[in-house]
Amino acid sequence: MNSILAQERFDFRTHYSTEQAAFNLINGILTAMNNNQLVGGIFCDLQKAFDCVNHKILLEKLEFYGVEGKFK
């Protein structure tokens, strides 16, 4: 694999889950608060984002990174 996904990404990765992502987020926030650090966040709902993507360009970029063919 080309290691194109950051370690902080939990989607498209084996043995990772949304529960782990939520735990890491909350743990990071609480750790910062316990260390008297400021905590802020920006959250975006990207549910419809895929519909806005030019699929031809997306497929070309995926192929560039070695992702091609049909997946089952």
PDB file of N, CA and C in Angstrom:
ATOM      1  N   MET A   1       0.837  -1.176   0.000  1.00  0.00           N
ATOM      2  CA  MET A   1       0.000   0.000   0.000  1.00  0.00           C
ATOM      3  C   MET A   1       0.881   1.238   0.000  1.00  0.00           C
ATOM      4  N   ASN A   2       0.372   2.335  -0.440  1.00  0.00           N
ATOM      5  CA  ASN A   2       1.146   3.562  -0.577  1.00  0.00           C
ATOM      6  C   ASN A   2       1.148   4.427   0.676  1.00  0.00           C
ATOM      7  N   SER A   3       0.540   3.986   1.754  1.00  0.00           N
ATOM      8  CA  SER A   3       0.483   4.734   3.014  1.00  0.00           C
ATOM      9  C   SER A   3      -0.024   6.159   2.801  1.00  0.00           C
ATOM     10  N   ILE A   4      -1.123   6.276   2.083  1.00  0.00           N
ATOM     11  CA  ILE A   4      -1.668   7.607   1.802  1.00  0.00           C
ATOM     12  C   ILE A   4      -2.653   8.066   2.867  1.00  0.00           C
ATOM     13  N   LEU A   5      -3.062   7.172   3.763  1.00  0.00           N
ATOM     14  CA  LEU A   5      -4.000   7.544   4.826  1.00  0.00           C
ATOM     15  C   LEU A   5      -3.229   7.866   6.098  1.00  0.00           C
ATOM     16  N   ALA A   6      -3.554   8.976   6.702  1.00  0.00           N
ATOM     17  CA  ALA A   6      -2.917   9.360   7.967  1.00  0.00           C
ATOM     18  C   ALA A   6      -3.325   8.391   9.067  1.00  0.00           C
ATOM     19  N   GLN A   7      -2.477   8.259  10.066  1.00  0.00           N
ATOM     20  CA  GLN A   7      -2.767   7.368  11.184  1.00  0.00           C
ATOM     21  C   GLN A   7      -4.026   7.792  11.924  1.00  0.00           C
ATOM     22  N   GLU A   8      -4.392   9.061  11.812  1.00  0.00           N
ATOM     23  CA  GLU A   8      -5.587   9.557  12.483  1.00  0.00           C
ATOM     24  C   GLU A   8      -6.868   9.178  11.760  1.00  0.00           C
ATOM     25  N   ARG A   9      -6.767   8.617  10.566  1.00  0.00           N
ATOM     26  CA  ARG A   9      -7.945   8.234   9.799  1.00  0.00           C
ATOM     27  C   ARG A   9      -8.442   6.873  10.279  1.00  0.00           C
ATOM     28  N   PHE A  10      -9.732   6.738  10.441  1.00  0.00           N
ATOM     29  CA  PHE A  10     -10.305   5.485  10.918  1.00  0.00           C
ATOM     30  C   PHE A  10     -11.191   4.821   9.871  1.00  0.00           C
ATOM     31  N   ASP A  11     -11.440   5.515   8.763  1.00  0.00           N
ATOM     32  CA  ASP A  11     -12.257   4.908   7.714  1.00  0.00           C
ATOM     33  C   ASP A  11     -11.340   4.191   6.722  1.00  0.00           C
ATOM     34  N   PHE A  12     -11.853   3.215   6.065  1.00  0.00           N
ATOM     35  CA  PHE A  12     -11.123   2.459   5.047  1.00  0.00           C
ATOM     36  C   PHE A  12      -9.923   1.717   5.598  1.00  0.00           C
ATOM     37  N   ARG A  13      -9.905   1.448   6.901  1.00  0.00           N
ATOM     38  CA  ARG A  13      -8.768   0.752   7.489  1.00  0.00           C
ATOM     39  C   ARG A  13      -9.266  -0.434   8.303  1.00  0.00           C
ATOM     40  N   THR A  14      -8.603  -1.551   8.144  1.00  0.00           N
ATOM     41  CA  THR A  14      -8.957  -2.767   8.861  1.00  0.00           C
ATOM     42  C   THR A  14      -8.696  -2.587  10.358  1.00  0.00           C
ATOM     43  N   HIS A  15      -9.572  -3.102  11.184  1.00  0.00           N
ATOM     44  CA  HIS A  15      -9.446  -3.112  12.651  1.00  0.00           C
ATOM     45  C   HIS A  15      -9.575  -1.722  13.277  1.00  0.00           C
ATOM     46  N   TYR A  16     -10.190  -0.783  12.582  1.00  0.00           N
ATOM     47  CA  TYR A  16     -10.446   0.548  13.139  1.00  0.00           C
ATOM     48  C   TYR A  16     -11.948   0.781  13.114  1.00  0.00           C
ATOM     49  N   SER A  17     -12.450   1.596  14.040  1.00  0.00           N
ATOM     50  CA  SER A  17     -13.893   1.789  14.118  1.00  0.00           C
ATOM     51  C   SER A  17     -14.214   3.230  14.506  1.00  0.00           C
ATOM     52  N   THR A  18     -15.474   3.593  14.325  1.00  0.00           N
ATOM     53  CA  THR A  18     -15.910   4.923  14.740  1.00  0.00           C
ATOM     54  C   THR A  18     -15.838   5.063  16.256  1.00  0.00           C
ATOM     55  N   GLU A  19     -15.997   3.958  16.985  1.00  0.00           N
ATOM     56  CA  GLU A  19     -15.878   4.015  18.443  1.00  0.00           C
ATOM     57  C   GLU A  19     -14.460   4.407  18.847  1.00  0.00           C
ATOM     58  N   GLN A  20     -13.467   3.844  18.159  1.00  0.00           N
ATOM     59  CA  GLN A  20     -12.080   4.201  18.456  1.00  0.00           C
ATOM     60  C   GLN A  20     -11.806   5.661  18.099  1.00  0.00           C
ATOM     61  N   ALA A  21     -12.368   6.130  16.999  1.00  0.00           N
ATOM     62  CA  ALA A  21     -12.191   7.523  16.600  1.00  0.00           C
ATOM     63  C   ALA A  21     -12.791   8.454  17.647  1.00  0.00           C
ATOM     64  N   ALA A  22     -13.995   8.139  18.116  1.00  0.00           N
ATOM     65  CA  ALA A  22     -14.648   8.964  19.142  1.00  0.00           C
ATOM     66  C   ALA A  22     -13.843   8.937  20.443  1.00  0.00           C
ATOM     67  N   PHE A  23     -13.351   7.775  20.824  1.00  0.00           N
ATOM     68  CA  PHE A  23     -12.535   7.657  22.035  1.00  0.00           C
ATOM     69  C   PHE A  23     -11.290   8.525  21.925  1.00  0.00           C
ATOM     70  N   ASN A  24     -10.594   8.451  20.777  1.00  0.00           N
ATOM     71  CA  ASN A  24      -9.377   9.244  20.601  1.00  0.00           C
ATOM     72  C   ASN A  24      -9.678  10.737  20.661  1.00  0.00           C
ATOM     73  N   LEU A  25     -10.774  11.166  20.080  1.00  0.00           N
ATOM     74  CA  LEU A  25     -11.164  12.572  20.107  1.00  0.00           C
ATOM     75  C   LEU A  25     -11.431  13.027  21.540  1.00  0.00           C
ATOM     76  N   ILE A  26     -12.281  12.286  22.241  1.00  0.00           N
ATOM     77  CA  ILE A  26     -12.633  12.657  23.615  1.00  0.00           C
ATOM     78  C   ILE A  26     -11.410  12.592  24.525  1.00  0.00           C
ATOM     79  N   ASN A  27     -10.595  11.578  24.359  1.00  0.00           N
ATOM     80  CA  ASN A  27      -9.383  11.444  25.174  1.00  0.00           C
ATOM     81  C   ASN A  27      -8.440  12.619  24.939  1.00  0.00           C
ATOM     82  N   GLY A  28      -8.282  13.028  23.686  1.00  0.00           N
ATOM     83  CA  GLY A  28      -7.423  14.173  23.382  1.00  0.00           C
ATOM     84  C   GLY A  28      -7.956  15.461  23.985  1.00  0.00           C
ATOM     85  N   ILE A  29      -9.263  15.653  23.920  1.00  0.00           N
ATOM     86  CA  ILE A  29      -9.884  16.851  24.501  1.00  0.00           C
ATOM     87  C   ILE A  29      -9.696  16.862  26.011  1.00  0.00           C
ATOM     88  N   LEU A  30      -9.999  15.754  26.664  1.00  0.00           N
ATOM     89  CA  LEU A  30      -9.877  15.692  28.122  1.00  0.00           C
ATOM     90  C   LEU A  30      -8.433  15.835  28.584  1.00  0.00           C
ATOM     91  N   THR A  31      -7.504  15.248  27.844  1.00  0.00           N
ATOM     92  CA  THR A  31      -6.083  15.379  28.190  1.00  0.00           C
ATOM     93  C   THR A  31      -5.651  16.837  28.109  1.00  0.00           C
ATOM     94  N   ALA A  32      -6.058  17.515  27.027  1.00  0.00           N
ATOM     95  CA  ALA A  32      -5.705  18.932  26.877  1.00  0.00           C
ATOM     96  C   ALA A  32      -6.326  19.766  27.995  1.00  0.00           C
ATOM     97  N   MET A  33      -7.584  19.506  28.313  1.00  0.00           N
ATOM     98  CA  MET A  33      -8.248  20.257  29.384  1.00  0.00           C
ATOM     99  C   MET A  33      -7.564  20.020  30.722  1.00  0.00           C
ATOM    100  N   ASN A  34      -7.175  18.783  30.989  1.00  0.00           N
ATOM    101  CA  ASN A  34      -6.473  18.470  32.244  1.00  0.00           C
ATOM    102  C   ASN A  34      -5.124  19.174  32.324  1.00  0.00           C
ATOM    103  N   ASN A  35      -4.544  19.487  31.163  1.00  0.00           N
ATOM    104  CA  ASN A  35      -3.266  20.194  31.109  1.00  0.00           C
ATOM    105  C   ASN A  35      -3.461  21.702  30.961  1.00  0.00           C
ATOM    106  N   ASN A  36      -4.680  22.166  31.254  1.00  0.00           N
ATOM    107  CA  ASN A  36      -5.023  23.593  31.184  1.00  0.00           C
ATOM    108  C   ASN A  36      -4.755  24.202  29.812  1.00  0.00           C
ATOM    109  N   GLN A  37      -4.943  23.414  28.758  1.00  0.00           N
ATOM    110  CA  GLN A  37      -4.793  23.912  27.401  1.00  0.00           C
ATOM    111  C   GLN A  37      -6.162  24.278  26.846  1.00  0.00           C
ATOM    112  N   LEU A  38      -6.165  25.210  25.906  1.00  0.00           N
ATOM    113  CA  LEU A  38      -7.409  25.578  25.238  1.00  0.00           C
ATOM    114  C   LEU A  38      -7.788  24.495  24.236  1.00  0.00           C
ATOM    115  N   VAL A  39      -9.068  24.245  24.112  1.00  0.00           N
ATOM    116  CA  VAL A  39      -9.557  23.235  23.186  1.00  0.00           C
ATOM    117  C   VAL A  39     -10.608  23.877  22.294  1.00  0.00           C
ATOM    118  N   GLY A  40     -10.494  23.659  21.011  1.00  0.00           N
ATOM    119  CA  GLY A  40     -11.480  24.161  20.056  1.00  0.00           C
ATOM    120  C   GLY A  40     -11.724  23.107  18.990  1.00  0.00           C
ATOM    121  N   GLY A  41     -12.788  23.253  18.288  1.00  0.00           N
ATOM    122  CA  GLY A  41     -13.082  22.289  17.239  1.00  0.00           C
ATOM    123  C   GLY A  41     -13.984  22.876  16.173  1.00  0.00           C
ATOM    124  N   ILE A  42     -13.804  22.393  14.976  1.00  0.00           N
ATOM    125  CA  ILE A  42     -14.675  22.737  13.856  1.00  0.00           C
ATOM    126  C   ILE A  42     -15.177  21.414  13.284  1.00  0.00           C
ATOM    127  N   PHE A  43     -16.478  21.272  13.199  1.00  0.00           N
ATOM    128  CA  PHE A  43     -17.056  20.028  12.727  1.00  0.00           C
ATOM    129  C   PHE A  43     -17.894  20.305  11.480  1.00  0.00           C
ATOM    130  N   CYS A  44     -17.680  19.522  10.466  1.00  0.00           N
ATOM    131  CA  CYS A  44     -18.385  19.709   9.193  1.00  0.00           C
ATOM    132  C   CYS A  44     -19.158  18.435   8.859  1.00  0.00           C
ATOM    133  N   ASP A  45     -20.365  18.597   8.385  1.00  0.00           N
ATOM    134  CA  ASP A  45     -21.165  17.465   7.914  1.00  0.00           C
ATOM    135  C   ASP A  45     -20.883  17.285   6.430  1.00  0.00           C
ATOM    136  N   LEU A  46     -20.155  16.242   6.094  1.00  0.00           N
ATOM    137  CA  LEU A  46     -19.753  15.998   4.710  1.00  0.00           C
ATOM    138  C   LEU A  46     -20.562  14.875   4.064  1.00  0.00           C
ATOM    139  N   GLN A  47     -21.740  14.616   4.579  1.00  0.00           N
ATOM    140  CA  GLN A  47     -22.553  13.509   4.091  1.00  0.00           C
ATOM    141  C   GLN A  47     -22.792  13.595   2.589  1.00  0.00           C
ATOM    142  N   LYS A  48     -23.038  14.790   2.082  1.00  0.00           N
ATOM    143  CA  LYS A  48     -23.325  14.955   0.657  1.00  0.00           C
ATOM    144  C   LYS A  48     -22.080  15.328  -0.154  1.00  0.00           C
ATOM    145  N   ALA A  49     -20.926  15.365   0.460  1.00  0.00           N
ATOM    146  CA  ALA A  49     -19.714  15.809  -0.227  1.00  0.00           C
ATOM    147  C   ALA A  49     -19.388  14.930  -1.426  1.00  0.00           C
ATOM    148  N   PHE A  50     -19.599  13.641  -1.315  1.00  0.00           N
ATOM    149  CA  PHE A  50     -19.268  12.726  -2.417  1.00  0.00           C
ATOM    150  C   PHE A  50     -20.042  13.088  -3.671  1.00  0.00           C
ATOM    151  N   ASP A  51     -21.271  13.591  -3.518  1.00  0.00           N
ATOM    152  CA  ASP A  51     -22.070  13.971  -4.676  1.00  0.00           C
ATOM    153  C   ASP A  51     -21.497  15.187  -5.389  1.00  0.00           C
ATOM    154  N   CYS A  52     -20.665  15.958  -4.712  1.00  0.00           N
ATOM    155  CA  CYS A  52     -20.088  17.173  -5.294  1.00  0.00           C
ATOM    156  C   CYS A  52     -18.741  16.924  -5.972  1.00  0.00           C
ATOM    157  N   VAL A  53     -18.206  15.723  -5.831  1.00  0.00           N
ATOM    158  CA  VAL A  53     -16.888  15.398  -6.367  1.00  0.00           C
ATOM    159  C   VAL A  53     -17.008  15.033  -7.846  1.00  0.00           C
ATOM    160  N   ASN A  54     -16.062  15.522  -8.645  1.00  0.00           N
ATOM    161  CA  ASN A  54     -15.974  15.104 -10.036  1.00  0.00           C
ATOM    162  C   ASN A  54     -15.435  13.673 -10.036  1.00  0.00           C
ATOM    163  N   HIS A  55     -16.283  12.719 -10.362  1.00  0.00           N
ATOM    164  CA  HIS A  55     -15.916  11.306 -10.232  1.00  0.00           C
ATOM    165  C   HIS A  55     -14.814  10.893 -11.186  1.00  0.00           C
ATOM    166  N   LYS A  56     -14.733  11.517 -12.339  1.00  0.00           N
ATOM    167  CA  LYS A  56     -13.651  11.202 -13.290  1.00  0.00           C
ATOM    168  C   LYS A  56     -12.302  11.565 -12.661  1.00  0.00           C
ATOM    169  N   ILE A  57     -12.223  12.764 -12.080  1.00  0.00           N
ATOM    170  CA  ILE A  57     -10.981  13.194 -11.434  1.00  0.00           C
ATOM    171  C   ILE A  57     -10.670  12.309 -10.236  1.00  0.00           C
ATOM    172  N   LEU A  58     -11.698  11.957  -9.457  1.00  0.00           N
ATOM    173  CA  LEU A  58     -11.495  11.076  -8.298  1.00  0.00           C
ATOM    174  C   LEU A  58     -10.907   9.744  -8.730  1.00  0.00           C
ATOM    175  N   LEU A  59     -11.460   9.143  -9.761  1.00  0.00           N
ATOM    176  CA  LEU A  59     -10.952   7.858 -10.245  1.00  0.00           C
ATOM    177  C   LEU A  59      -9.522   7.980 -10.757  1.00  0.00           C
ATOM    178  N   GLU A  60      -9.211   9.078 -11.422  1.00  0.00           N
ATOM    179  CA  GLU A  60      -7.840   9.292 -11.901  1.00  0.00           C
ATOM    180  C   GLU A  60      -6.866   9.410 -10.733  1.00  0.00           C
ATOM    181  N   LYS A  61      -7.265  10.116  -9.694  1.00  0.00           N
ATOM    182  CA  LYS A  61      -6.390  10.263  -8.525  1.00  0.00           C
ATOM    183  C   LYS A  61      -6.221   8.932  -7.789  1.00  0.00           C
ATOM    184  N   LEU A  62      -7.300   8.172  -7.664  1.00  0.00           N
ATOM    185  CA  LEU A  62      -7.196   6.861  -7.019  1.00  0.00           C
ATOM    186  C   LEU A  62      -6.268   5.951  -7.806  1.00  0.00           C
ATOM    187  N   GLU A  63      -6.383   5.979  -9.127  1.00  0.00           N
ATOM    188  CA  GLU A  63      -5.505   5.154  -9.965  1.00  0.00           C
ATOM    189  C   GLU A  63      -4.051   5.587  -9.794  1.00  0.00           C
ATOM    190  N   PHE A  64      -3.817   6.899  -9.686  1.00  0.00           N
ATOM    191  CA  PHE A  64      -2.462   7.411  -9.468  1.00  0.00           C
ATOM    192  C   PHE A  64      -1.847   6.805  -8.207  1.00  0.00           C
ATOM    193  N   TYR A  65      -2.663   6.626  -7.161  1.00  0.00           N
ATOM    194  CA  TYR A  65      -2.177   6.056  -5.905  1.00  0.00           C
ATOM    195  C   TYR A  65      -2.230   4.524  -5.878  1.00  0.00           C
ATOM    196  N   GLY A  66      -2.554   3.932  -7.001  1.00  0.00           N
ATOM    197  CA  GLY A  66      -2.531   2.475  -7.076  1.00  0.00           C
ATOM    198  C   GLY A  66      -3.837   1.782  -6.745  1.00  0.00           C
ATOM    199  N   VAL A  67      -4.920   2.545  -6.622  1.00  0.00           N
ATOM    200  CA  VAL A  67      -6.234   1.964  -6.342  1.00  0.00           C
ATOM    201  C   VAL A  67      -6.988   1.916  -7.661  1.00  0.00           C
ATOM    202  N   GLU A  68      -7.181   0.709  -8.170  1.00  0.00           N
ATOM    203  CA  GLU A  68      -7.872   0.581  -9.438  1.00  0.00           C
ATOM    204  C   GLU A  68      -8.619  -0.751  -9.509  1.00  0.00           C
ATOM    205  N   GLY A  69      -9.501  -0.867 -10.462  1.00  0.00           N
ATOM    206  CA  GLY A  69     -10.272  -2.090 -10.628  1.00  0.00           C
ATOM    207  C   GLY A  69     -11.535  -2.057  -9.792  1.00  0.00           C
ATOM    208  N   LYS A  70     -12.219  -3.183  -9.769  1.00  0.00           N
ATOM    209  CA  LYS A  70     -13.457  -3.296  -9.007  1.00  0.00           C
ATOM    210  C   LYS A  70     -13.195  -3.999  -7.688  1.00  0.00           C
ATOM    211  N   PHE A  71     -13.837  -3.510  -6.643  1.00  0.00           N
ATOM    212  CA  PHE A  71     -13.698  -4.118  -5.321  1.00  0.00           C
ATOM    213  C   PHE A  71     -14.975  -4.840  -4.968  1.00  0.00           C
ATOM    214  N   LYS A  72     -14.827  -5.940  -4.261  1.00  0.00           N
ATOM    215  CA  LYS A  72     -15.991  -6.739  -3.869  1.00  0.00           C
ATOM    216  C   LYS A  72     -16.308  -6.528  -2.429  1.00  0.00           C
TER     217      LYS A  72
END
